[in-house]
């Protein structure tokens, strides 16, 4: 799997087009979230990169996270059904249109200038490029979860 850099305008446009293919009726192919919850879920790591969402993480994860950080942005696809950090779990009902609009805004403004949170409390120091690739990989994983 090629991991793409979300700072690249053509890569960003591809993600935007995939998000725009989603509808409130789009069904998941695996997992527990509905499409609105997924849209809210993928916003949280982006908000973390912007410094507006705080991740707690367990003591063990903070200790081991830096050793496994490359999983976030390496060429290996995420496995289906991986456990989600509790700070990224979305269980409440979400408004599809509002979540889609917010995610599109976040993706549109994603740039080296807006990624400011470089010392992740769980994964350790991350470069802007690592954030970009990790963000693309996470979005790609969940867009595939919903068939787009």
N, C-alpha and C. Protein backbone atom coordinates (compact mmCIF):
# COMPACT_ATOMS: atom_id res chain seq x y z
N UNK A 1 0.85 -1.18 0.00
CA UNK A 1 0.00 0.00 0.00
C UNK A 1 0.89 1.24 0.00
N UNK A 2 0.59 2.14 -0.89
CA UNK A 2 1.31 3.41 -0.91
C UNK A 2 0.63 4.38 0.05
N UNK A 3 1.39 4.92 0.98
CA UNK A 3 0.86 5.92 1.90
C UNK A 3 1.13 7.28 1.29
N UNK A 4 0.08 8.07 1.15
CA UNK A 4 0.20 9.35 0.47
C UNK A 4 0.32 10.50 1.46
N UNK A 5 0.82 11.62 0.96
CA UNK A 5 1.04 12.80 1.78
C UNK A 5 -0.14 13.76 1.57
N UNK A 6 -0.90 13.98 2.61
CA UNK A 6 -2.10 14.82 2.52
C UNK A 6 -1.78 16.28 2.26
N UNK A 7 -0.53 16.68 2.39
CA UNK A 7 -0.15 18.05 2.03
C UNK A 7 -0.16 18.26 0.51
N UNK A 8 -0.06 17.18 -0.25
CA UNK A 8 -0.08 17.27 -1.71
C UNK A 8 -1.50 17.63 -2.16
N UNK A 9 -1.67 18.72 -2.91
CA UNK A 9 -3.01 19.18 -3.31
C UNK A 9 -3.82 18.12 -4.07
N UNK A 10 -3.18 17.31 -4.91
CA UNK A 10 -3.92 16.29 -5.65
C UNK A 10 -4.39 15.16 -4.73
N UNK A 11 -3.59 14.83 -3.74
CA UNK A 11 -3.96 13.81 -2.76
C UNK A 11 -5.12 14.33 -1.90
N UNK A 12 -5.02 15.58 -1.49
CA UNK A 12 -6.09 16.20 -0.71
C UNK A 12 -7.40 16.20 -1.50
N UNK A 13 -7.32 16.54 -2.79
CA UNK A 13 -8.52 16.58 -3.63
C UNK A 13 -9.15 15.20 -3.76
N UNK A 14 -8.31 14.17 -3.87
CA UNK A 14 -8.81 12.79 -3.95
C UNK A 14 -9.58 12.42 -2.69
N UNK A 15 -9.05 12.78 -1.54
CA UNK A 15 -9.74 12.49 -0.26
C UNK A 15 -11.06 13.25 -0.20
N UNK A 16 -11.06 14.50 -0.61
CA UNK A 16 -12.28 15.31 -0.60
C UNK A 16 -13.34 14.68 -1.51
N UNK A 17 -12.93 14.22 -2.67
CA UNK A 17 -13.88 13.58 -3.59
C UNK A 17 -14.45 12.30 -2.99
N UNK A 18 -13.62 11.54 -2.29
CA UNK A 18 -14.11 10.32 -1.64
C UNK A 18 -15.09 10.65 -0.52
N UNK A 19 -14.78 11.66 0.27
CA UNK A 19 -15.70 12.08 1.34
C UNK A 19 -17.03 12.51 0.74
N UNK A 20 -16.98 13.22 -0.38
CA UNK A 20 -18.20 13.71 -1.02
C UNK A 20 -19.06 12.59 -1.61
N UNK A 21 -18.51 11.40 -1.77
CA UNK A 21 -19.30 10.26 -2.25
C UNK A 21 -20.15 9.65 -1.14
N UNK A 22 -19.83 9.96 0.10
CA UNK A 22 -20.60 9.41 1.23
C UNK A 22 -21.98 10.05 1.30
N UNK A 23 -22.94 9.26 1.72
CA UNK A 23 -24.28 9.77 2.01
C UNK A 23 -24.66 9.31 3.41
N UNK A 24 -25.73 9.86 3.93
CA UNK A 24 -26.21 9.45 5.26
C UNK A 24 -26.61 7.98 5.28
N UNK A 25 -26.85 7.40 4.11
CA UNK A 25 -27.27 6.00 4.02
C UNK A 25 -26.12 5.05 3.72
N UNK A 26 -24.91 5.56 3.53
CA UNK A 26 -23.76 4.70 3.23
C UNK A 26 -23.55 3.73 4.40
N UNK A 27 -23.43 2.45 4.05
CA UNK A 27 -23.29 1.41 5.07
C UNK A 27 -21.83 0.99 5.24
N UNK A 28 -21.47 0.68 6.44
CA UNK A 28 -20.11 0.19 6.74
C UNK A 28 -19.95 -1.23 6.20
N UNK A 29 -18.72 -1.56 5.90
CA UNK A 29 -18.39 -2.92 5.46
C UNK A 29 -17.80 -3.74 6.60
N UNK A 30 -17.38 -3.06 7.66
CA UNK A 30 -16.93 -3.71 8.89
C UNK A 30 -17.02 -2.68 10.00
N UNK A 31 -16.84 -3.14 11.23
CA UNK A 31 -16.81 -2.25 12.39
C UNK A 31 -18.18 -1.95 12.98
N UNK A 32 -18.21 -0.99 13.90
CA UNK A 32 -19.43 -0.68 14.65
C UNK A 32 -20.00 0.70 14.36
N UNK A 33 -19.16 1.62 13.89
CA UNK A 33 -19.63 3.00 13.70
C UNK A 33 -20.54 3.11 12.47
N UNK A 34 -21.50 4.03 12.55
CA UNK A 34 -22.23 4.37 11.34
C UNK A 34 -21.45 5.48 10.63
N UNK A 35 -21.91 5.89 9.47
CA UNK A 35 -21.14 6.84 8.66
C UNK A 35 -20.97 8.19 9.36
N UNK A 36 -21.98 8.66 10.07
CA UNK A 36 -21.88 9.94 10.78
C UNK A 36 -20.87 9.87 11.92
N UNK A 37 -20.88 8.76 12.64
CA UNK A 37 -19.91 8.58 13.71
C UNK A 37 -18.49 8.49 13.16
N UNK A 38 -18.33 7.82 12.01
CA UNK A 38 -17.01 7.73 11.39
C UNK A 38 -16.51 9.12 11.01
N UNK A 39 -17.39 9.95 10.44
CA UNK A 39 -16.97 11.30 10.06
C UNK A 39 -16.51 12.09 11.28
N UNK A 40 -17.20 11.92 12.40
CA UNK A 40 -16.81 12.59 13.64
C UNK A 40 -15.49 12.00 14.17
N UNK A 41 -15.37 10.68 14.09
CA UNK A 41 -14.17 9.98 14.59
C UNK A 41 -12.90 10.44 13.87
N UNK A 42 -12.93 10.52 12.54
CA UNK A 42 -11.70 10.86 11.81
C UNK A 42 -11.30 12.32 12.00
N UNK A 43 -12.22 13.14 12.49
CA UNK A 43 -11.88 14.54 12.78
C UNK A 43 -10.97 14.66 14.01
N UNK A 44 -11.09 13.72 14.94
CA UNK A 44 -10.38 13.85 16.22
C UNK A 44 -8.86 13.83 16.08
N UNK A 45 -8.26 12.90 15.33
CA UNK A 45 -6.81 12.97 15.17
C UNK A 45 -6.36 14.23 14.42
N UNK A 46 -7.19 14.70 13.48
CA UNK A 46 -6.84 15.94 12.78
C UNK A 46 -6.87 17.10 13.78
N UNK A 47 -7.88 17.12 14.63
CA UNK A 47 -7.95 18.15 15.68
C UNK A 47 -6.77 18.06 16.63
N UNK A 48 -6.30 16.84 16.85
CA UNK A 48 -5.12 16.65 17.69
C UNK A 48 -3.90 17.30 17.01
N UNK A 49 -3.77 17.09 15.70
CA UNK A 49 -2.65 17.70 14.96
C UNK A 49 -2.73 19.22 15.01
N UNK A 50 -3.95 19.75 15.06
CA UNK A 50 -4.15 21.21 15.15
C UNK A 50 -3.98 21.72 16.58
N UNK A 51 -3.83 20.81 17.54
CA UNK A 51 -3.66 21.21 18.94
C UNK A 51 -4.96 21.52 19.65
N UNK A 52 -6.10 21.11 19.07
CA UNK A 52 -7.40 21.44 19.67
C UNK A 52 -8.10 20.24 20.30
N UNK A 53 -7.54 19.04 20.18
CA UNK A 53 -8.09 17.84 20.82
C UNK A 53 -6.98 17.19 21.64
N UNK A 54 -7.25 16.90 22.88
CA UNK A 54 -6.25 16.31 23.76
C UNK A 54 -6.43 14.80 23.85
N UNK A 55 -5.34 14.08 23.72
CA UNK A 55 -5.33 12.62 23.85
C UNK A 55 -4.71 12.29 25.18
N UNK A 56 -5.37 11.42 25.93
CA UNK A 56 -4.82 11.05 27.23
C UNK A 56 -3.88 9.87 27.10
N UNK A 57 -4.37 8.74 26.63
CA UNK A 57 -3.53 7.55 26.48
C UNK A 57 -3.20 6.95 27.84
N UNK A 58 -3.07 5.64 27.86
CA UNK A 58 -2.74 4.94 29.10
C UNK A 58 -1.23 5.04 29.36
N UNK A 59 -0.84 4.76 30.58
CA UNK A 59 0.57 4.77 30.94
C UNK A 59 1.36 3.82 30.05
N UNK A 60 0.82 2.61 29.84
CA UNK A 60 1.50 1.61 29.03
C UNK A 60 1.65 2.08 27.59
N UNK A 61 0.59 2.66 27.04
CA UNK A 61 0.66 3.15 25.66
C UNK A 61 1.67 4.29 25.54
N UNK A 62 1.72 5.17 26.53
CA UNK A 62 2.69 6.26 26.50
C UNK A 62 4.12 5.73 26.55
N UNK A 63 4.28 4.64 27.28
CA UNK A 63 5.60 4.03 27.40
C UNK A 63 6.01 3.33 26.11
N UNK A 64 5.07 2.62 25.49
CA UNK A 64 5.38 1.82 24.30
C UNK A 64 5.08 2.54 22.99
N UNK A 65 4.23 3.56 23.02
CA UNK A 65 3.80 4.27 21.81
C UNK A 65 4.93 4.68 20.88
N UNK A 66 5.97 5.35 21.40
CA UNK A 66 7.06 5.78 20.50
C UNK A 66 7.73 4.62 19.75
N UNK A 67 7.71 3.43 20.33
CA UNK A 67 8.31 2.27 19.66
C UNK A 67 7.48 1.80 18.47
N UNK A 68 6.17 2.06 18.51
CA UNK A 68 5.26 1.58 17.47
C UNK A 68 4.69 2.71 16.61
N UNK A 69 5.21 3.89 16.77
CA UNK A 69 4.70 5.08 16.08
C UNK A 69 4.65 4.90 14.57
N UNK A 70 5.61 4.21 13.99
CA UNK A 70 5.66 4.09 12.53
C UNK A 70 4.44 3.36 11.97
N UNK A 71 3.72 2.61 12.78
CA UNK A 71 2.49 1.94 12.33
C UNK A 71 1.50 2.98 11.83
N UNK A 72 1.56 4.19 12.37
CA UNK A 72 0.64 5.25 11.98
C UNK A 72 0.80 5.65 10.52
N UNK A 73 2.02 5.58 10.00
CA UNK A 73 2.29 6.13 8.68
C UNK A 73 3.10 5.22 7.76
N UNK A 74 3.33 3.98 8.17
CA UNK A 74 4.09 3.08 7.30
C UNK A 74 3.20 2.50 6.20
N UNK A 75 3.78 1.67 5.35
CA UNK A 75 3.10 1.14 4.16
C UNK A 75 2.10 0.02 4.47
N UNK A 76 2.09 -0.47 5.70
CA UNK A 76 1.19 -1.56 6.06
C UNK A 76 -0.21 -1.03 6.37
N UNK A 77 -1.24 -1.54 5.70
CA UNK A 77 -2.61 -1.06 5.99
C UNK A 77 -3.02 -1.38 7.43
N UNK A 78 -3.88 -0.55 7.98
CA UNK A 78 -4.46 -0.85 9.29
C UNK A 78 -5.33 -2.09 9.16
N UNK A 79 -5.32 -2.91 10.18
CA UNK A 79 -6.20 -4.07 10.19
C UNK A 79 -7.61 -3.64 10.56
N UNK A 80 -8.58 -4.34 10.04
CA UNK A 80 -9.97 -4.07 10.38
C UNK A 80 -10.20 -4.50 11.83
N UNK A 81 -10.95 -3.68 12.57
CA UNK A 81 -11.32 -4.03 13.93
C UNK A 81 -10.27 -3.78 14.98
N UNK A 82 -9.23 -3.00 14.66
CA UNK A 82 -8.24 -2.66 15.69
C UNK A 82 -8.91 -1.89 16.82
N UNK A 83 -8.45 -2.06 18.05
CA UNK A 83 -9.04 -1.27 19.14
C UNK A 83 -8.75 0.21 18.95
N UNK A 84 -9.69 1.04 19.39
CA UNK A 84 -9.58 2.49 19.24
C UNK A 84 -9.30 3.12 20.60
N UNK A 85 -8.38 4.07 20.64
CA UNK A 85 -8.12 4.81 21.87
C UNK A 85 -9.43 5.43 22.33
N UNK A 86 -9.75 5.32 23.62
CA UNK A 86 -11.03 5.84 24.12
C UNK A 86 -11.29 7.32 23.80
N UNK A 87 -10.24 8.12 23.66
CA UNK A 87 -10.45 9.54 23.35
C UNK A 87 -10.89 9.74 21.90
N UNK A 88 -10.83 8.68 21.08
CA UNK A 88 -11.26 8.76 19.68
C UNK A 88 -12.56 8.01 19.42
N UNK A 89 -13.13 7.39 20.44
CA UNK A 89 -14.36 6.63 20.27
C UNK A 89 -15.55 7.59 20.21
N UNK A 90 -16.41 7.39 19.20
CA UNK A 90 -17.62 8.19 19.04
C UNK A 90 -18.80 7.23 19.10
N UNK A 91 -19.65 7.38 20.11
CA UNK A 91 -20.79 6.48 20.26
C UNK A 91 -22.13 7.20 20.16
N UNK A 92 -22.13 8.51 20.36
CA UNK A 92 -23.39 9.24 20.33
C UNK A 92 -23.84 9.51 18.90
N UNK A 93 -25.08 9.85 18.76
CA UNK A 93 -25.66 10.15 17.45
C UNK A 93 -25.08 11.45 16.92
N UNK A 94 -24.76 11.45 15.65
CA UNK A 94 -24.16 12.63 15.01
C UNK A 94 -24.99 13.01 13.78
N UNK A 95 -24.96 14.29 13.45
CA UNK A 95 -25.64 14.80 12.27
C UNK A 95 -24.71 14.63 11.07
N UNK A 96 -25.13 13.82 10.10
CA UNK A 96 -24.28 13.50 8.96
C UNK A 96 -23.79 14.75 8.24
N UNK A 97 -24.70 15.63 7.86
CA UNK A 97 -24.31 16.81 7.08
C UNK A 97 -23.34 17.70 7.85
N UNK A 98 -23.59 17.89 9.13
CA UNK A 98 -22.71 18.74 9.95
C UNK A 98 -21.32 18.11 10.07
N UNK A 99 -21.27 16.80 10.30
CA UNK A 99 -19.97 16.13 10.45
C UNK A 99 -19.21 16.12 9.13
N UNK A 100 -19.91 15.90 8.03
CA UNK A 100 -19.26 15.92 6.72
C UNK A 100 -18.69 17.30 6.42
N UNK A 101 -19.48 18.33 6.69
CA UNK A 101 -19.02 19.71 6.45
C UNK A 101 -17.79 20.04 7.28
N UNK A 102 -17.81 19.66 8.55
CA UNK A 102 -16.66 19.94 9.44
C UNK A 102 -15.43 19.19 8.97
N UNK A 103 -15.59 17.91 8.59
CA UNK A 103 -14.45 17.15 8.12
C UNK A 103 -13.87 17.76 6.84
N UNK A 104 -14.72 18.15 5.91
CA UNK A 104 -14.24 18.78 4.68
C UNK A 104 -13.47 20.06 4.98
N UNK A 105 -13.96 20.84 5.94
CA UNK A 105 -13.24 22.05 6.34
C UNK A 105 -11.87 21.70 6.91
N UNK A 106 -11.83 20.67 7.76
CA UNK A 106 -10.56 20.26 8.36
C UNK A 106 -9.56 19.80 7.29
N UNK A 107 -10.04 18.99 6.36
CA UNK A 107 -9.15 18.47 5.31
C UNK A 107 -8.68 19.62 4.42
N UNK A 108 -9.58 20.52 4.07
CA UNK A 108 -9.20 21.65 3.22
C UNK A 108 -8.11 22.51 3.86
N UNK A 109 -8.17 22.71 5.17
CA UNK A 109 -7.18 23.58 5.81
C UNK A 109 -5.92 22.83 6.26
N UNK A 110 -5.89 21.50 6.09
CA UNK A 110 -4.75 20.70 6.52
C UNK A 110 -3.51 21.09 5.71
N UNK A 111 -2.50 21.60 6.38
CA UNK A 111 -1.29 22.07 5.71
C UNK A 111 -0.14 22.06 6.72
N UNK A 112 1.08 22.21 6.24
CA UNK A 112 2.21 22.29 7.17
C UNK A 112 2.06 23.43 8.18
N UNK A 113 1.36 24.49 7.78
CA UNK A 113 1.18 25.63 8.69
C UNK A 113 0.16 25.36 9.80
N UNK A 114 -0.83 24.51 9.52
CA UNK A 114 -1.88 24.26 10.51
C UNK A 114 -1.57 23.10 11.45
N UNK A 115 -0.63 22.23 11.06
CA UNK A 115 -0.21 21.13 11.93
C UNK A 115 0.80 21.69 12.91
N UNK A 116 0.37 21.86 14.15
CA UNK A 116 1.24 22.51 15.14
C UNK A 116 1.61 21.61 16.31
N UNK A 117 0.90 20.50 16.49
CA UNK A 117 1.08 19.63 17.64
C UNK A 117 2.08 18.55 17.28
N UNK A 118 3.35 18.77 17.59
CA UNK A 118 4.39 17.86 17.13
C UNK A 118 4.90 16.91 18.21
N UNK A 119 4.51 17.10 19.44
CA UNK A 119 4.94 16.21 20.51
C UNK A 119 3.71 15.48 21.06
N UNK A 120 3.32 14.42 20.37
CA UNK A 120 2.12 13.67 20.73
C UNK A 120 2.33 12.97 22.08
N UNK A 121 1.35 13.04 22.99
CA UNK A 121 1.53 12.45 24.32
C UNK A 121 1.63 10.93 24.31
N UNK A 122 1.13 10.28 23.27
CA UNK A 122 1.22 8.82 23.19
C UNK A 122 2.34 8.38 22.25
N UNK A 123 2.40 8.97 21.07
CA UNK A 123 3.33 8.51 20.04
C UNK A 123 4.68 9.20 20.09
N UNK A 124 4.79 10.27 20.84
CA UNK A 124 6.06 10.99 20.93
C UNK A 124 6.19 12.03 19.82
N UNK A 125 7.41 12.46 19.59
CA UNK A 125 7.66 13.51 18.60
C UNK A 125 7.29 13.01 17.21
N UNK A 126 6.52 13.82 16.50
CA UNK A 126 6.11 13.51 15.13
C UNK A 126 6.43 14.69 14.23
N UNK A 127 6.96 14.40 13.05
CA UNK A 127 7.21 15.46 12.09
C UNK A 127 5.89 15.82 11.42
N UNK A 128 5.88 16.94 10.74
CA UNK A 128 4.68 17.34 10.00
C UNK A 128 4.37 16.32 8.90
N UNK A 129 5.39 15.80 8.25
CA UNK A 129 5.17 14.79 7.21
C UNK A 129 4.59 13.51 7.80
N UNK A 130 5.05 13.11 8.98
CA UNK A 130 4.48 11.93 9.63
C UNK A 130 3.00 12.16 9.95
N UNK A 131 2.67 13.35 10.44
CA UNK A 131 1.26 13.70 10.69
C UNK A 131 0.46 13.62 9.40
N UNK A 132 1.02 14.13 8.31
CA UNK A 132 0.32 14.15 7.04
C UNK A 132 0.05 12.74 6.54
N UNK A 133 1.04 11.89 6.59
CA UNK A 133 0.87 10.51 6.13
C UNK A 133 -0.05 9.73 7.06
N UNK A 134 0.09 9.92 8.36
CA UNK A 134 -0.79 9.24 9.32
C UNK A 134 -2.24 9.67 9.13
N UNK A 135 -2.45 10.94 8.87
CA UNK A 135 -3.81 11.45 8.66
C UNK A 135 -4.39 10.87 7.38
N UNK A 136 -3.61 10.84 6.31
CA UNK A 136 -4.09 10.24 5.07
C UNK A 136 -4.43 8.77 5.28
N UNK A 137 -3.54 8.03 5.96
CA UNK A 137 -3.74 6.60 6.16
C UNK A 137 -5.00 6.33 6.98
N UNK A 138 -5.24 7.15 8.00
CA UNK A 138 -6.43 6.98 8.83
C UNK A 138 -7.70 7.28 8.03
N UNK A 139 -7.68 8.38 7.27
CA UNK A 139 -8.83 8.71 6.42
C UNK A 139 -9.07 7.61 5.39
N UNK A 140 -8.02 7.16 4.73
CA UNK A 140 -8.14 6.11 3.72
C UNK A 140 -8.76 4.85 4.31
N UNK A 141 -8.29 4.46 5.49
CA UNK A 141 -8.80 3.25 6.17
C UNK A 141 -10.31 3.35 6.38
N UNK A 142 -10.75 4.49 6.91
CA UNK A 142 -12.18 4.61 7.23
C UNK A 142 -13.04 4.88 5.99
N UNK A 143 -12.48 5.54 4.99
CA UNK A 143 -13.25 5.69 3.74
C UNK A 143 -13.42 4.33 3.07
N UNK A 144 -12.41 3.48 3.12
CA UNK A 144 -12.55 2.11 2.61
C UNK A 144 -13.58 1.33 3.44
N UNK A 145 -13.62 1.61 4.74
CA UNK A 145 -14.61 0.95 5.62
C UNK A 145 -16.03 1.21 5.10
N UNK A 146 -16.22 2.36 4.47
CA UNK A 146 -17.54 2.72 3.96
C UNK A 146 -17.60 2.67 2.42
N UNK A 147 -16.65 1.93 1.82
CA UNK A 147 -16.72 1.62 0.41
C UNK A 147 -16.38 2.73 -0.56
N UNK A 148 -15.72 3.77 -0.09
CA UNK A 148 -15.33 4.86 -1.00
C UNK A 148 -13.82 5.10 -0.97
